[in-house]
Protein backbone atom coordinates (compact mmCIF):
# COMPACT_ATOMS: atom_id res chain seq x y z
CA MET A 1 -10.46 -15.59 -5.33
CA PRO A 2 -9.69 -11.74 -4.92
CA ASN A 3 -11.11 -8.70 -8.22
CA ALA A 4 -8.25 -7.08 -10.35
CA ARG A 5 -7.44 -4.25 -7.50
CA VAL A 6 -6.75 -5.79 -4.41
CA LEU A 7 -4.23 -8.41 -7.03
CA ARG A 8 -2.55 -5.06 -8.17
CA ASP A 9 -2.57 -3.17 -4.99
CA ILE A 10 -0.93 -6.75 -3.85
CA LYS A 11 1.63 -6.04 -6.57
CA ALA A 12 2.33 -2.81 -6.11
CA ARG A 13 3.09 -3.93 -1.97
CA HIS A 14 5.71 -6.50 -3.15
CA GLY A 15 6.92 -3.76 -5.58
CA VAL A 16 7.34 -1.23 -3.06
CA ASN A 17 8.84 -3.42 -0.22
CA ALA A 18 10.93 -5.09 -2.97
CA SER A 19 12.61 -2.16 -4.02
CA GLU A 20 12.26 0.84 -0.38
CA VAL A 21 15.94 0.63 0.21
CA LEU A 22 17.70 0.92 -2.91
CA ARG A 23 14.46 4.14 -3.79
CA ARG A 24 15.20 5.71 0.02
CA ALA A 25 19.00 5.89 -1.03
CA TYR A 26 19.19 7.30 -4.20
CA LEU A 27 15.63 9.62 -2.91
CA TYR A 28 18.70 10.70 -0.18
CA VAL A 29 20.75 12.26 -3.19
CA ALA A 30 18.99 13.19 -4.77
CA ARG A 31 17.59 15.37 -2.30
CA ASN A 32 21.08 16.37 -0.35
CA GLN A 33 21.70 20.40 -1.53
CA THR A 34 25.02 20.08 -0.91
CA LEU A 35 26.09 15.94 -3.34
CA PRO A 36 26.81 18.60 -6.95
CA ALA A 37 24.40 18.64 -9.28
CA GLN A 38 25.56 16.40 -11.52
CA VAL A 39 25.60 13.44 -9.17
CA ARG A 40 21.77 13.86 -7.70
CA PHE A 41 20.78 14.46 -11.49
CA GLN A 42 22.39 11.29 -12.15
CA ALA A 43 20.33 9.95 -9.08
CA GLN A 44 16.46 11.37 -10.21
CA LEU A 45 17.53 9.56 -13.48
CA GLN A 46 17.73 6.33 -11.43
CA LEU A 47 14.70 7.33 -10.10
CA ASN A 48 12.88 7.55 -12.59
CA THR A 49 14.02 4.69 -14.29
CA PHE A 50 12.21 2.41 -11.24
CA GLY A 51 8.85 0.97 -11.85
CA ARG A 52 4.75 1.94 -11.83
CA TYR A 53 5.16 -0.11 -9.22
CA THR A 54 7.48 0.60 -7.45
CA ARG A 55 5.96 3.95 -5.83
CA PRO A 56 4.80 3.93 -1.74
CA THR A 57 1.66 6.16 -2.90
CA THR A 58 -0.04 3.32 -5.65
CA VAL A 59 -0.54 1.47 -2.38
CA LYS A 60 -3.98 1.72 -1.49
CA ASN A 61 -5.84 -0.52 1.66
CA ARG A 62 -8.37 -2.61 0.40
CA CYS A 63 -10.56 -4.82 1.38
CA VAL A 64 -9.55 -8.72 1.13
CA GLU A 65 -13.10 -9.64 -0.01
CA SER A 66 -14.78 -7.82 -1.77
CA GLY A 67 -11.91 -4.91 -3.24
CA ARG A 68 -13.57 -1.86 -2.26
CA GLY A 69 -11.33 0.99 -1.02
CA ARG A 70 -13.25 3.32 0.77
CA GLY A 71 -14.48 2.64 4.56
CA ILE A 72 -11.42 0.45 5.26
CA ILE A 73 -11.05 -1.32 8.97
CA ASN A 74 -7.56 -1.49 8.83
CA GLU A 75 -7.29 -3.37 12.20
CA PHE A 76 -9.69 -6.70 9.70
CA GLY A 77 -8.53 -5.75 6.57
CA LEU A 78 -12.19 -4.85 5.49
CA SER A 79 -14.52 -2.80 3.90
CA ARG A 80 -17.45 -1.57 6.59
CA PHE A 81 -20.33 -3.24 4.77
CA GLN A 82 -18.44 -6.57 5.54
CA PHE A 83 -17.35 -5.85 8.42
CA ARG A 84 -20.49 -5.99 9.60
CA MET A 85 -21.71 -9.52 8.08
CA LYS A 86 -19.32 -11.50 9.13
CA ALA A 87 -19.72 -9.39 12.73
CA LEU A 88 -23.42 -10.60 11.81
CA ALA A 89 -22.14 -14.23 11.01
CA LYS A 90 -19.68 -14.75 13.95
CA GLU A 91 -16.91 -15.11 12.01
CA LEU A 92 -14.26 -12.76 13.28
CA PRO A 93 -13.11 -13.17 16.40
CA GLY A 94 -13.98 -10.90 19.89
CA VAL A 95 -16.34 -8.98 17.92
CA HIS A 96 -19.90 -8.62 18.09
CA LYS A 97 -22.47 -6.45 18.56
CA ALA A 98 -22.96 -3.44 21.12
CA SER A 99 -26.05 -4.03 23.42
CA TRP A 100 -26.98 -1.20 26.17
C-alpha cells in the first residue's frame, strides 16, 4: 500500500491534469498586457479560486515503493536504493549489475 506522500502526489497529478486547460487559459488572459485591466483582474480572481492540488508545482516525482522524494530514477519511478534492490533481485527487465 502506498504511503500518504505517494497518495498526495497521485491526487496532485490528477488535479493538475483535470484543470490544466482551463488554468492555462486564465493564465494567458491574466498575463496578456493588451487586454483591459478589469478583464485581467477577473482572470486572476478565477485563478485564485482553483484548489491547492491544481498547481503544477505541487507535483513531485516520488518513489512508488517507498515514497522517497529524492534520488528518483525517472524511467522506473524508483529511488536509487529501491532501484538497486530490484536490479539485484532481477525484478527489472533489461537491468543487470555492470562488470568490466
